Amino acid sequence: MQLHVAEIEIIDQTLRDGQQSLWGMRMKVAHLSAVAQDIDQAGYRVVDLTGSSIFECMMRYNREDPWDGLDLWRSWMPTSRLRSGSRSNCIAKFGLTPDSLMDLWIRTLAKHGIDSFWIYDCLYNMDKMERLCRTVADAGCEVVPAIMYGISPVHTDEWFAARVREFVSWGITDAIYFEDAAGILKPERAKTLMPALVEAAGHVPIEMQCHNTVGLAGYNYLIGVDSGIRILHTAPGPMANGPSLPSTEQTIENLRWEGHTTSVDLERVRRVSEHMRRVAVQEGHPIGVPNEYNVFPYHHQLPGGMTGTLKAQLAQYDMSDRFDEVLEEIVQVREDLGHPISATPFSQLMGIQAVLNVVTGERYGTVPDEVLVYVLGHLGEPPAPINPDILDRMLSTSRGKEIQKWSPPQPTIEELKEQHGDRSMTDEELLRRYLVPLPDVEATHAAGPAAREFHFEADGVPTSLVLDLLQSSRASFAQVETGSATVTMRRSVPGGNIKQGAIT
């Protein structure tokens, strides 16, 4: 039942969670060039843009410098509030990042134009969250601590509401971010949880971000609005749905039919949708489609982005047919490990442990160091006690005994720079080298500046085909013709790559 009509603000997730959920974070800098102005002028409250994992993928897979890319994106979207997300105690890796580097990460992003940060910790290590949020506030940026949703005997409405009250008590919180990463919030739970969070937040607004994994996120958004939520996260059509978020277009249509309003310019949203659809087709990325309702995600609680990773890991062992078995094992692993919320890094840790349990045939016979670090409490206090038999088994191994003697180091920035090269390197270079191995950094530098424009293959000879031919070691002659262009290439050195040609 609708309580009252409201003006709803939208946060755009095209460039961050949309591409993370659907494209595996393979977006290139130039993919935005033609539509950045439309995104900038669409009327969004915030444009969620980047994070450490996106930085990592830009260097590993695209050979694009993320700092250069961020500067370009900021110049293309000069009026938008741009956001980055960060865990409270780590960037990119599954372990721990020194406090000095966490602070440098925030300050350097702010220097390059990020002015809003959502800070999360799936174990709700509140001291760490507050410490980093104060770093964000000191940098003059918007402070948005996060409620990451999960289902367990521990995570009751009051449990979540108590965390919201603590966020507000810090006195620096500008908004509170609620995320259902696995898409497992049931409507009946939304009707009790969202009012509890709104009441606990008081004057601080709550943002609602639900993945559409089982097709109910749009309905939950309307329940949230009826509960007092005034900020929703969406993505334009091709970047929405499936493991991603509800579409901006359908969300606005739903709000309109319920009598609510929004200032988002739908015509600009549609232009962005059409552009991103063409990019996805040309680059071979999936386009989001609504999922059929499925009860299983409520049990394994796996975020959509982890599905592809697990399938790839099983394929390495020629065990793709055991995917459902791994999902069932994740349910047990999560219970064994004290019911951590299933989002980064715990969705990965539980997924990797489940794969190892299945492929080796021995539960917890092989335990990654990152899981040992977790069970020893270095990432924070688990929500519920870890299964004592499992814990004893993990810590009684030789590696378990060795890890028990370890404590997280806290080097200075100068010491970190020396470890990664020399003390004279820039802050940006240190962060590059921390995020990815040095060969990836060097290859990124060698590749030069990222392309500033993206050309669709329909506009001429497909660039991807030309590049494939240039790298060929077999063809001695190639000619590609379209209605507007012809490319002819002949091998200049016997047995070598095609290196010369004519374009007419």
Protein backbone atom coordinates (compact mmCIF):
# COMPACT_ATOMS: atom_id res chain seq x y z
CA MET A 1 0.00 0.00 0.00
CA GLN A 2 1.47 3.33 -1.09
CA LEU A 3 2.01 5.77 1.76
CA HIS A 4 2.69 9.02 -0.12
CA VAL A 5 4.03 10.38 -3.40
CA ALA A 6 7.76 11.16 -3.48
CA GLU A 7 10.55 12.58 -5.66
CA ILE A 8 13.01 9.75 -6.21
CA GLU A 9 16.68 10.24 -7.04
CA ILE A 10 18.61 7.75 -9.17
CA ILE A 11 22.24 6.65 -8.89
CA ASP A 12 23.65 5.38 -12.18
CA GLN A 13 25.46 2.02 -12.19
CA THR A 14 26.20 1.71 -15.92
CA LEU A 15 29.93 2.12 -15.49
CA ARG A 16 30.55 0.31 -12.22
CA ASP A 17 28.16 -2.43 -11.12
CA GLY A 18 26.49 -2.83 -14.50
CA GLN A 19 29.73 -3.60 -16.30
CA GLN A 20 31.06 -5.51 -13.27
CA SER A 21 28.04 -7.82 -13.23
CA LEU A 22 27.74 -8.34 -16.99
CA TRP A 23 31.06 -7.52 -18.65
CA GLY A 24 33.53 -8.81 -16.06
CA MET A 25 34.88 -5.24 -15.69
CA ARG A 26 36.20 -5.16 -19.28
CA MET A 27 34.93 -1.66 -20.08
CA LYS A 28 37.44 0.44 -21.98
CA VAL A 29 38.02 4.16 -21.55
CA ALA A 30 36.71 5.05 -25.00
CA HIS A 31 33.46 3.14 -24.52
CA LEU A 32 32.20 6.23 -22.69
CA SER A 33 33.36 8.94 -25.09
CA ALA A 34 30.19 9.23 -27.17
CA VAL A 35 27.72 9.13 -24.26
CA ALA A 36 29.58 10.68 -21.33
CA GLN A 37 27.77 13.97 -21.86
CA ASP A 38 24.39 12.22 -21.79
CA ILE A 39 25.34 10.46 -18.53
CA ASP A 40 26.61 13.74 -17.11
CA GLN A 41 23.46 15.65 -18.03
CA ALA A 42 20.86 12.93 -17.31
CA GLY A 43 20.08 14.23 -13.83
CA TYR A 44 21.54 11.44 -11.69
CA ARG A 45 22.26 12.06 -8.02
CA VAL A 46 25.59 10.22 -8.36
CA VAL A 47 27.42 8.32 -11.10
CA ASP A 48 29.11 5.27 -9.55
CA LEU A 49 32.25 4.99 -11.62
CA THR A 50 35.11 2.85 -10.41
CA GLY A 51 36.92 0.84 -7.75
CA SER A 52 40.18 -1.01 -7.23
CA SER A 53 39.03 -4.14 -9.08
CA ILE A 54 38.14 -2.04 -12.13
CA PHE A 55 41.58 -0.40 -11.94
CA GLU A 56 43.12 -3.87 -11.84
CA CYS A 57 41.16 -5.12 -14.87
CA MET A 58 41.95 -2.00 -16.90
CA MET A 59 45.66 -2.78 -16.58
CA ARG A 60 45.52 -6.58 -16.75
CA TYR A 61 43.17 -6.94 -19.71
CA ASN A 62 42.86 -3.59 -21.50
CA ARG A 63 46.41 -2.26 -20.97
CA GLU A 64 44.88 1.11 -20.14
CA ASP A 65 46.20 3.36 -17.40
CA PRO A 66 43.34 3.76 -14.90
CA TRP A 67 44.54 7.15 -13.69
CA ASP A 68 44.61 8.46 -17.26
CA GLY A 69 41.17 6.93 -17.78
CA LEU A 70 39.78 8.46 -14.61
CA ASP A 71 41.06 11.90 -15.60
CA LEU A 72 39.39 11.55 -18.99
CA TRP A 73 36.10 10.38 -17.51
CA ARG A 74 36.11 13.31 -15.09
CA SER A 75 36.78 15.74 -17.94
CA TRP A 76 33.92 14.18 -19.94
CA MET A 77 31.51 14.34 -16.97
CA PRO A 78 32.45 17.67 -15.35
CA THR A 79 29.21 18.29 -13.45
CA SER A 80 28.55 14.81 -12.03
CA ARG A 81 29.29 13.61 -8.54
CA LEU A 82 31.54 10.61 -9.26
CA ARG A 83 31.83 7.72 -6.85
CA SER A 84 34.20 4.90 -5.98
CA GLY A 85 33.64 2.00 -3.62
CA SER A 86 36.18 0.53 -1.25
CA ARG A 87 36.42 -2.16 1.37
CA SER A 88 37.41 -0.81 4.75
CA ASN A 89 40.68 -2.75 4.93
CA CYS A 90 41.70 -3.86 1.45
CA ILE A 91 41.96 -2.84 -2.19
CA ALA A 92 41.76 -5.46 -4.94
CA LYS A 93 43.35 -8.40 -3.16
CA PHE A 94 41.56 -10.83 -0.83
CA GLY A 95 43.87 -10.19 2.12
CA LEU A 96 44.65 -6.95 3.95
CA THR A 97 46.03 -3.59 2.82
CA PRO A 98 48.09 -1.40 5.19
CA ASP A 99 46.20 1.58 6.62
CA SER A 100 48.71 3.97 5.06
CA LEU A 101 47.90 2.66 1.59
CA MET A 102 44.16 2.65 2.20
CA ASP A 103 44.39 6.35 3.07
CA LEU A 104 46.57 7.05 0.03
CA TRP A 105 44.04 5.27 -2.18
CA ILE A 106 41.23 7.54 -0.98
CA ARG A 107 43.28 10.74 -1.22
CA THR A 108 44.61 9.93 -4.69
CA LEU A 109 41.17 9.08 -6.07
CA ALA A 110 39.88 12.36 -4.64
CA LYS A 111 42.76 14.19 -6.33
CA HIS A 112 41.67 12.71 -9.65
CA GLY A 113 38.04 13.78 -9.32
CA ILE A 114 36.21 11.19 -7.20
CA ASP A 115 34.05 13.07 -4.70
CA SER A 116 31.87 10.32 -3.19
CA PHE A 117 32.85 7.02 -1.56
CA TRP A 118 30.82 4.05 -0.38
CA ILE A 119 32.75 2.07 2.24
CA TYR A 120 31.87 -1.51 3.06
CA ASP A 121 32.99 -4.40 5.24
CA CYS A 122 31.03 -7.66 5.10
CA LEU A 123 32.12 -8.49 8.66
CA TYR A 124 31.13 -5.01 9.83
CA ASN A 125 34.52 -4.26 11.35
CA MET A 126 33.16 -0.93 12.56
CA ASP A 127 36.45 0.52 13.80
CA LYS A 128 38.03 0.01 10.39
CA MET A 129 34.97 1.38 8.60
CA GLU A 130 34.88 4.51 10.74
CA ARG A 131 38.62 5.06 10.35
CA LEU A 132 38.41 5.00 6.54
CA CYS A 133 35.20 7.03 6.48
CA ARG A 134 37.01 9.75 8.41
CA THR A 135 39.75 9.68 5.79
CA VAL A 136 37.03 10.23 3.16
CA ALA A 137 35.56 13.11 5.16
CA ASP A 138 39.00 14.69 5.62
CA ALA A 139 39.42 14.59 1.82
CA GLY A 140 36.22 16.64 1.49
CA CYS A 141 34.22 13.84 -0.11
CA GLU A 142 30.76 12.36 0.48
CA VAL A 143 30.80 9.63 3.15
CA VAL A 144 28.51 6.65 2.46
CA PRO A 145 29.04 3.57 4.68
CA ALA A 146 27.32 0.41 3.50
CA ILE A 147 24.90 -2.19 4.76
CA MET A 148 25.65 -5.40 2.85
CA TYR A 149 22.65 -7.74 3.05
CA GLY A 150 22.69 -11.46 3.70
CA ILE A 151 20.45 -14.14 5.18
CA SER A 152 21.48 -15.95 8.35
CA PRO A 153 20.25 -16.55 11.90
CA VAL A 154 22.49 -13.65 12.97
CA HIS A 155 21.50 -10.97 10.47
CA THR A 156 18.12 -9.87 11.81
CA ASP A 157 16.40 -6.55 11.10
CA GLU A 158 17.56 -5.21 14.44
CA TRP A 159 21.13 -6.39 13.82
CA PHE A 160 21.28 -4.34 10.60
CA ALA A 161 19.48 -1.37 12.17
CA ALA A 162 22.04 -1.27 15.00
CA ARG A 163 24.82 -0.86 12.41
CA VAL A 164 22.90 1.98 10.77
CA ARG A 165 22.57 3.77 14.11
CA GLU A 166 26.31 3.44 14.64
CA PHE A 167 27.02 4.87 11.17
CA VAL A 168 24.86 7.88 12.01
CA SER A 169 26.54 8.32 15.40
CA TRP A 170 29.90 9.04 13.71
CA GLY A 171 28.58 12.48 12.76
CA ILE A 172 30.16 12.42 9.28
CA THR A 173 27.76 10.13 7.40
CA ASP A 174 26.12 11.81 4.38
CA ALA A 175 24.09 8.78 3.24
CA ILE A 176 23.87 5.04 3.92
CA TYR A 177 24.14 2.50 1.13
CA PHE A 178 22.08 -0.70 1.30
CA GLU A 179 23.16 -3.44 -1.13
CA ASP A 180 21.59 -6.80 -1.83
CA ALA A 181 24.52 -8.11 -3.90
CA ALA A 182 23.14 -11.61 -4.32
CA GLY A 183 19.61 -10.44 -5.15
CA ILE A 184 18.08 -12.47 -2.32
CA LEU A 185 15.98 -9.88 -0.48
CA LYS A 186 12.45 -11.30 -0.35
CA PRO A 187 9.55 -8.83 -0.55
CA GLU A 188 8.19 -9.93 2.83
CA ARG A 189 11.61 -9.24 4.38
CA ALA A 190 11.88 -5.90 2.57
CA LYS A 191 8.60 -4.84 4.21
CA THR A 192 10.14 -5.20 7.68
CA LEU A 193 13.83 -4.47 7.03
CA MET A 194 13.61 -1.26 5.01
CA PRO A 195 11.35 0.58 7.50
CA ALA A 196 13.71 -0.50 10.30
CA LEU A 197 16.71 0.93 8.46
CA VAL A 198 14.93 4.18 7.58
CA GLU A 199 13.90 4.67 11.20
CA ALA A 200 17.41 3.92 12.46
CA ALA A 201 18.96 6.36 9.97
CA GLY A 202 16.79 9.28 11.03
CA HIS A 203 17.73 12.34 8.96
CA VAL A 204 20.41 10.48 6.95
CA PRO A 205 19.09 9.23 3.57
CA ILE A 206 19.36 5.55 2.62
CA GLU A 207 20.22 4.39 -0.89
CA MET A 208 18.81 1.08 -2.10
CA GLN A 209 20.84 -1.13 -4.46
CA CYS A 210 19.39 -4.56 -5.28
CA HIS A 211 20.59 -7.00 -7.92
CA ASN A 212 17.87 -8.53 -10.06
CA THR A 213 19.12 -12.12 -9.75
CA VAL A 214 15.68 -13.63 -9.11
CA GLY A 215 13.64 -10.90 -10.80
CA LEU A 216 12.23 -9.26 -7.66
CA ALA A 217 14.50 -6.23 -7.27
CA GLY A 218 12.11 -3.84 -9.02
CA TYR A 219 9.29 -4.89 -6.71
CA ASN A 220 11.55 -4.48 -3.69
CA TYR A 221 12.41 -0.96 -4.87
CA LEU A 222 8.73 0.01 -4.69
CA ILE A 223 8.51 -1.48 -1.19
CA GLY A 224 11.58 0.54 -0.28
CA VAL A 225 10.02 3.73 -1.60
CA ASP A 226 6.86 3.06 0.40
CA SER A 227 9.13 2.61 3.43
CA GLY A 228 10.77 6.01 2.98
CA ILE A 229 13.67 5.22 0.63
CA ARG A 230 14.26 8.11 -1.79
CA ILE A 231 17.42 6.99 -3.64
CA LEU A 232 17.56 3.97 -5.99
CA HIS A 233 20.43 2.44 -7.98
CA THR A 234 19.77 1.42 -11.61
CA ALA A 235 21.50 0.85 -14.95
CA PRO A 236 20.24 1.49 -18.51
CA GLY A 237 18.66 -1.47 -20.34
CA PRO A 238 21.60 -3.50 -21.76
CA MET A 239 23.66 -2.98 -18.60
CA ALA A 240 20.77 -4.03 -16.32
CA ASN A 241 18.99 -7.20 -15.20
CA GLY A 242 20.24 -10.75 -14.81
CA PRO A 243 23.00 -10.49 -12.19
CA SER A 244 22.93 -6.69 -12.58
CA LEU A 245 20.39 -4.14 -11.30
CA PRO A 246 16.89 -3.18 -12.42
CA SER A 247 16.85 -1.04 -15.55
CA THR A 248 16.58 2.71 -15.23
CA GLU A 249 13.84 2.77 -17.85
CA GLN A 250 11.56 0.22 -16.15
CA THR A 251 12.23 1.61 -12.68
CA ILE A 252 11.17 5.09 -13.75
CA GLU A 253 8.10 3.64 -15.47
CA ASN A 254 7.16 1.74 -12.30
CA LEU A 255 7.62 4.86 -10.19
CA ARG A 256 5.45 6.87 -12.58
CA TRP A 257 2.60 4.37 -12.37
CA GLU A 258 2.81 4.55 -8.56
CA GLY A 259 2.56 8.35 -8.72
CA HIS A 260 6.20 9.11 -7.90
CA THR A 261 8.46 11.46 -9.85
CA THR A 262 12.12 11.71 -10.81
CA SER A 263 14.20 14.33 -12.58
CA VAL A 264 16.17 11.83 -14.70
CA ASP A 265 16.03 12.58 -18.44
CA LEU A 266 14.75 9.38 -20.05
CA GLU A 267 15.72 10.48 -23.56
CA ARG A 268 19.37 10.68 -22.52
CA VAL A 269 19.07 7.32 -20.75
CA ARG A 270 17.77 5.75 -23.95
CA ARG A 271 20.68 7.17 -25.95
CA VAL A 272 23.11 5.66 -23.45
CA SER A 273 21.24 2.34 -23.65
CA GLU A 274 21.47 2.19 -27.42
CA HIS A 275 25.17 3.07 -27.39
CA MET A 276 26.06 0.49 -24.73
CA ARG A 277 24.03 -2.16 -26.57
CA ARG A 278 26.08 -1.58 -29.72
CA VAL A 279 29.32 -1.65 -27.72
CA ALA A 280 28.31 -4.93 -26.05
CA VAL A 281 27.51 -6.56 -29.40
CA GLN A 282 30.76 -5.45 -31.01
CA GLU A 283 32.93 -6.36 -28.02
CA GLY A 284 31.21 -9.69 -27.42
CA HIS A 285 29.84 -8.81 -23.97
CA PRO A 286 26.49 -10.14 -22.72
CA ILE A 287 23.41 -7.96 -22.61
CA GLY A 288 21.39 -8.20 -19.43
CA VAL A 289 18.07 -10.02 -19.57
CA PRO A 290 15.59 -10.68 -16.73
CA ASN A 291 16.04 -13.99 -14.93
CA GLU A 292 13.30 -16.52 -14.28
CA TYR A 293 12.43 -16.82 -10.58
CA ASN A 294 14.76 -19.28 -8.85
CA VAL A 295 14.78 -20.28 -5.18
CA PHE A 296 18.34 -21.69 -5.15
CA PRO A 297 20.10 -18.27 -4.83
CA TYR A 298 18.42 -17.77 -1.45
CA HIS A 299 20.46 -20.74 -0.23
CA HIS A 300 23.90 -20.28 -1.82
CA GLN A 301 23.63 -16.43 -1.75
CA LEU A 302 26.30 -16.11 -4.44
CA PRO A 303 26.58 -12.72 -6.18
CA GLY A 304 26.11 -12.94 -9.93
CA GLY A 305 29.65 -11.85 -10.72
CA MET A 306 31.08 -14.95 -9.01
CA THR A 307 29.20 -17.41 -11.21
CA GLY A 308 31.51 -17.04 -14.21
CA THR A 309 34.59 -17.33 -11.99
CA LEU A 310 33.42 -20.62 -10.49
CA LYS A 311 32.56 -22.05 -13.89
CA ALA A 312 36.02 -21.14 -15.19
CA GLN A 313 37.70 -22.76 -12.20
CA LEU A 314 35.76 -25.99 -12.67
CA ALA A 315 36.52 -26.00 -16.40
CA GLN A 316 40.24 -26.05 -15.54
CA TYR A 317 39.66 -29.38 -13.82
CA ASP A 318 37.31 -30.64 -16.57
CA MET A 319 34.54 -30.70 -13.97
CA SER A 320 32.04 -28.21 -15.39
CA ASP A 321 29.24 -30.70 -14.81
CA ARG A 322 29.73 -30.33 -11.03
CA PHE A 323 28.77 -26.65 -10.87
CA ASP A 324 25.52 -27.27 -8.97
CA GLU A 325 27.44 -29.46 -6.53
CA VAL A 326 29.81 -26.57 -5.84
CA LEU A 327 26.87 -24.24 -5.21
CA GLU A 328 25.47 -26.72 -2.70
CA GLU A 329 28.89 -26.94 -1.04
CA ILE A 330 28.98 -23.14 -0.74
CA VAL A 331 25.86 -23.33 1.43
CA GLN A 332 27.69 -25.62 3.87
CA VAL A 333 30.98 -23.70 3.74
CA ARG A 334 29.21 -20.45 4.62
CA GLU A 335 27.63 -22.09 7.66
CA ASP A 336 30.96 -23.65 8.67
CA LEU A 337 32.69 -20.25 8.47
CA GLY A 338 30.21 -18.35 10.61
CA HIS A 339 27.75 -16.95 8.03
CA PRO A 340 29.79 -14.07 6.53
CA ILE A 341 27.85 -11.85 4.13
CA SER A 342 28.36 -13.18 0.61
CA ALA A 343 30.10 -10.30 -1.15
CA THR A 344 33.75 -9.47 -1.83
CA PRO A 345 35.96 -10.95 -0.50
CA PHE A 346 33.86 -13.63 1.21
CA SER A 347 31.91 -14.75 -1.84
CA GLN A 348 35.29 -15.47 -3.45
CA LEU A 349 36.76 -17.14 -0.36
CA MET A 350 33.74 -19.38 0.12
CA GLY A 351 33.57 -20.13 -3.59
CA ILE A 352 37.25 -21.10 -3.82
CA GLN A 353 37.01 -23.26 -0.70
CA ALA A 354 33.91 -24.99 -2.04
CA VAL A 355 35.64 -25.72 -5.36
CA LEU A 356 38.63 -27.21 -3.53
CA ASN A 357 36.35 -29.33 -1.34
CA VAL A 358 34.58 -30.71 -4.40
CA VAL A 359 37.48 -31.25 -6.79
CA THR A 360 39.79 -32.84 -4.19
CA GLY A 361 37.05 -34.95 -2.64
CA GLU A 362 38.24 -33.97 0.84
CA ARG A 363 36.49 -31.19 2.72
CA TYR A 364 39.05 -28.65 3.99
CA GLY A 365 41.93 -30.90 3.00
CA THR A 366 43.33 -27.89 1.14
CA VAL A 367 42.75 -24.44 2.62
CA PRO A 368 43.95 -21.19 0.95
CA ASP A 369 45.97 -18.75 3.03
CA GLU A 370 43.23 -16.13 2.63
CA VAL A 371 40.74 -18.43 4.37
CA LEU A 372 43.23 -19.06 7.19
CA VAL A 373 43.70 -15.29 7.61
CA TYR A 374 39.91 -14.95 7.87
CA VAL A 375 39.38 -17.73 10.44
CA LEU A 376 42.16 -16.22 12.58
CA GLY A 377 40.17 -12.99 12.84
CA HIS A 378 42.48 -10.69 10.88
CA LEU A 379 39.63 -9.53 8.62
CA GLY A 380 37.27 -8.96 11.55
CA GLU A 381 34.97 -10.93 13.82
CA PRO A 382 32.77 -13.52 12.06
CA PRO A 383 29.04 -12.94 12.60
CA ALA A 384 28.64 -16.39 14.21
CA PRO A 385 31.15 -18.87 15.67
CA ILE A 386 33.18 -20.88 13.16
CA ASN A 387 32.55 -24.63 13.31
CA PRO A 388 35.10 -25.68 15.99
CA ASP A 389 35.92 -29.01 14.33
CA ILE A 390 36.62 -27.28 11.01
CA LEU A 391 38.66 -24.56 12.72
CA ASP A 392 40.77 -27.14 14.56
CA ARG A 393 41.39 -29.03 11.34
CA MET A 394 42.51 -25.88 9.51
CA LEU A 395 44.85 -24.65 12.24
CA SER A 396 46.43 -28.02 12.99
CA THR A 397 48.07 -28.22 9.55
CA SER A 398 51.65 -27.06 9.09
CA ARG A 399 50.49 -24.04 7.09
CA GLY A 400 47.80 -23.29 9.67
CA LYS A 401 50.42 -23.25 12.43
CA GLU A 402 52.67 -21.01 10.35
CA ILE A 403 49.90 -18.48 9.61
CA GLN A 404 49.08 -18.29 13.35
CA LYS A 405 52.48 -16.67 13.89
CA TRP A 406 51.78 -13.98 11.27
CA SER A 407 50.43 -10.51 11.98
CA PRO A 408 49.42 -7.90 9.38
CA PRO A 409 52.29 -5.46 8.68
CA GLN A 410 51.71 -1.70 8.72
CA PRO A 411 54.48 -0.19 6.56
CA THR A 412 54.68 3.52 5.74
CA ILE A 413 54.17 4.85 2.23
CA GLU A 414 57.93 5.42 1.93
CA GLU A 415 58.61 1.82 2.89
CA LEU A 416 56.01 0.58 0.41
CA LYS A 417 57.52 2.63 -2.38
CA GLU A 418 60.92 1.16 -1.62
CA GLN A 419 59.42 -2.35 -1.64
CA HIS A 420 57.84 -1.73 -5.05
CA GLY A 421 60.73 0.05 -6.73
CA ASP A 422 62.07 3.24 -5.24
CA ARG A 423 61.00 6.02 -2.90
CA SER A 424 60.82 8.58 -5.71
CA MET A 425 57.89 6.95 -7.55
CA THR A 426 54.59 8.81 -7.66
CA ASP A 427 51.66 7.83 -5.48
CA GLU A 428 49.79 6.78 -8.62
CA GLU A 429 52.63 4.47 -9.66
CA LEU A 430 52.77 2.86 -6.21
CA LEU A 431 49.05 2.12 -6.39
CA ARG A 432 49.41 0.67 -9.89
CA ARG A 433 52.18 -1.66 -8.71
CA TYR A 434 50.25 -2.67 -5.62
CA LEU A 435 47.16 -3.58 -7.62
CA VAL A 436 48.77 -5.71 -10.34
CA PRO A 437 52.13 -7.44 -10.96
CA LEU A 438 54.93 -5.28 -12.36
CA PRO A 439 54.83 -6.90 -15.85
CA ASP A 440 51.21 -5.75 -16.20
CA VAL A 441 52.17 -2.22 -15.14
CA GLU A 442 55.06 -2.15 -17.60
CA ALA A 443 52.86 -3.49 -20.41
CA THR A 444 50.29 -0.81 -19.63
CA HIS A 445 52.91 1.93 -19.80
CA ALA A 446 54.28 0.48 -23.04
CA ALA A 447 50.83 0.49 -24.63
CA GLY A 448 50.69 4.28 -24.39
CA PRO A 449 47.62 6.47 -23.83
CA ALA A 450 44.22 4.82 -24.02
CA ALA A 451 42.14 5.43 -27.12
CA ARG A 452 39.99 8.54 -26.79
CA GLU A 453 37.32 7.48 -29.30
CA PHE A 454 35.46 4.25 -29.97
CA HIS A 455 34.53 3.35 -33.54
CA PHE A 456 31.78 0.92 -34.39
CA GLU A 457 32.73 -1.68 -36.98
CA ALA A 458 29.71 -0.79 -39.11
CA ASP A 459 31.43 2.52 -39.81
CA GLY A 460 34.25 0.84 -41.80
CA VAL A 461 36.56 -2.17 -41.90
CA PRO A 462 36.36 -3.99 -38.53
CA THR A 463 39.36 -2.93 -36.46
CA SER A 464 39.37 -6.26 -34.63
CA LEU A 465 39.73 -8.13 -37.94
CA VAL A 466 42.62 -5.92 -39.05
CA LEU A 467 44.42 -6.51 -35.77
CA ASP A 468 43.92 -10.28 -36.06
CA LEU A 469 45.37 -10.22 -39.58
CA LEU A 470 48.34 -8.14 -38.50
CA GLN A 471 49.16 -10.75 -35.87
CA SER A 472 48.71 -13.69 -38.24
CA SER A 473 51.76 -15.88 -38.94
CA ARG A 474 50.20 -17.76 -41.87
CA ALA A 475 48.38 -15.47 -44.29
CA SER A 476 50.58 -13.94 -47.00
CA PHE A 477 47.90 -11.71 -48.46
CA ALA A 478 44.66 -10.29 -47.11
CA GLN A 479 42.08 -7.88 -48.47
CA VAL A 480 38.98 -6.71 -46.66
CA GLU A 481 36.30 -4.70 -48.44
CA THR A 482 33.24 -2.87 -47.17
CA GLY A 483 30.96 -0.39 -48.84
CA SER A 484 33.16 2.48 -47.71
CA ALA A 485 36.70 1.12 -47.42
CA THR A 486 39.19 -1.47 -48.60
CA VAL A 487 42.22 -2.73 -46.68
CA THR A 488 44.93 -4.69 -48.55
CA MET A 489 47.85 -6.27 -46.67
CA ARG A 490 50.86 -8.27 -47.96
CA ARG A 491 53.56 -10.01 -45.97
CA SER A 492 56.84 -8.09 -46.16
CA VAL A 493 59.06 -10.79 -44.57
CA PRO A 494 58.73 -14.51 -45.39
CA GLY A 495 57.27 -16.28 -42.38
CA GLY A 496 56.75 -12.98 -40.58
CA ASN A 497 53.65 -11.04 -39.63
CA ILE A 498 51.75 -8.94 -42.17
CA LYS A 499 53.22 -5.49 -41.74
CA GLN A 500 52.40 -3.37 -44.73
CA GLY A 501 49.34 -2.60 -46.73
CA ALA A 502 47.19 -0.03 -48.38
CA ILE A 503 43.93 1.50 -47.28
CA THR A 504 41.64 2.98 -49.90
